[in-house]
Amino acid sequence: MHSTSLSTAGSRPRNARRTSRRCFLSALAIGALGIALLILSALRQLRGETGHASQHAAGLSSLLQLSKDTRTQSVDWRACLEPTDADKPMTKEQFLQQAPARLRLEHIRLSPLESGVGVTVVIAYDARRLSMLDGVCATWGGHISAAVYLGPVDNTTKGAASGAAMQIDDIFERATAKRTCALDVALYSEVLAEGDPWMGWLFPVNALRSRALLVARTELVLVLDGDMLIHSALHSTLGTQRDRYKKLVDDAEALTYHVLPALQAERTSAAYQVALGSKAGTVALMEGGQVTRFNPTHDYPQGCTDYDRWRLAKAPYRVEYCRRYEPWGIVSRRKMPWFDVRFRGYGRNKIVFTAALNASGFAFEIDSESFIVHRPHEASSGSFAFSSDAQLQGFIVGMHLEQAKKGVFTPVLDEPITRCRAQLPWWQ
């Protein structure tokens, strides 16, 4: 486990040292209280999500068995995944100069299980929302590769790192013992400059997604956000209807991005009901207003999916790419563009990824039967930072426009991603 130390000057006057000591102890107490509240909040969320998930996990494990894949056993994950300057503090100025996050590997667990369905859910989490992983595990039932962000580390956050690792172990052991999913999960931290809380708001979403993608060993991946649930029939259908699964594989090889329409419900319990239900039942809820498409107040994020057509569709259908489209879907991990690690926090990272798919020649095909469902939650700190800081908005929008003008997207990768991709046997 990594840590940093605080140093104090020894030549200050006695009163100054006493004042400094009181300030330090007060800050330490506040920090410890904050960590305790963070862990308590996470445990409360974990109990709630676990309660929902455990009710519905039965029957999803029939396609899981002990894995015979031994390729991960010889990997030195820390040497592979950590940058050489992992202990160097990150500053806002460095981020605005397009420096990637320097993520340190704190903890990793790899599932001994494998699924007959060669699709891995690739997902990134803030540790404060880690409890949501239970729901993805329960409604998917197959391979999941999750990268979890602890946040900034120093002497006052050792307890938070230990608590997050214990929470990961709890979710991992439960998923493995009950065979609800084949879960690979890693915990990352970062050293941020002292006195710069601004950077703590900026979740390094694409650096985490890229690390989750590196660990994925199936040929297909489902790129997902952590607050989504997956239609529970999808995994079992792909496992039992081999023609459908073969078509998915063949289409992915032919540069097809298989889009899962995104829906949303007002309550977490309702989101679980939708995820566990049928398309016909979901369409009825949509017509009654209890369920809507995701982000219904804006046309651009999901409008290309054409939900009116989807309600009636009996077979997959293709749609044209449209500007600012940001769907979630299944894709070939070898053929998809990588995630641009410059993106942190909130703002346009999925839009740029989808534009990169389009620029790379991918077609967009809509699944006519399955879908994903958004679970409600509080707004992220990255969203707050984006809306409150004009400098950040200008930087992220500028990156987006810069790439859009080129028409050809070349995502920026960091040192560990480039190194690991060259070393890991399943990427050769």
Foldseek 3Di string as FASTA:
>chain_A
DDAAADDDDDPDDPVVVVVVVVVVVVVLVVLLVVLVVLLVLLVVLLVVLLVLLVVQQPPLQPQKDFDPDCQVVPDPCQVQFFDPPQVDADEPVVLLVLDFFGKGWDDKDFFRMAGPQLEEEQEEEELSLVSLVSQQLRQALEHYQYEYEPEAHHPSCPVNSVSSNVVVVVSRVVCRVVSSYRYIYTYIYGHHDPPHCLVRQWALGQSRSLVSLLPRQGQKYWYDYSQKHWQSVVNVCVVPVVVVSVVVVVLQVVQAWEFFFEKEAPAQSVQSVLSDDWLLVVLVCVVVVRMGGPPVVDCQADVQLPVVCLSVDPAKDWTDDDQQYQTIGMHGSLQAAGFASSHIFDDCSSRLSVLQSVLSPHTYIYGSIIHMYGHDDDDGSSVVSCVPDVSVVCSRVVVSVVQVVVSHDHGHDDDSSVSSLVPRPSND
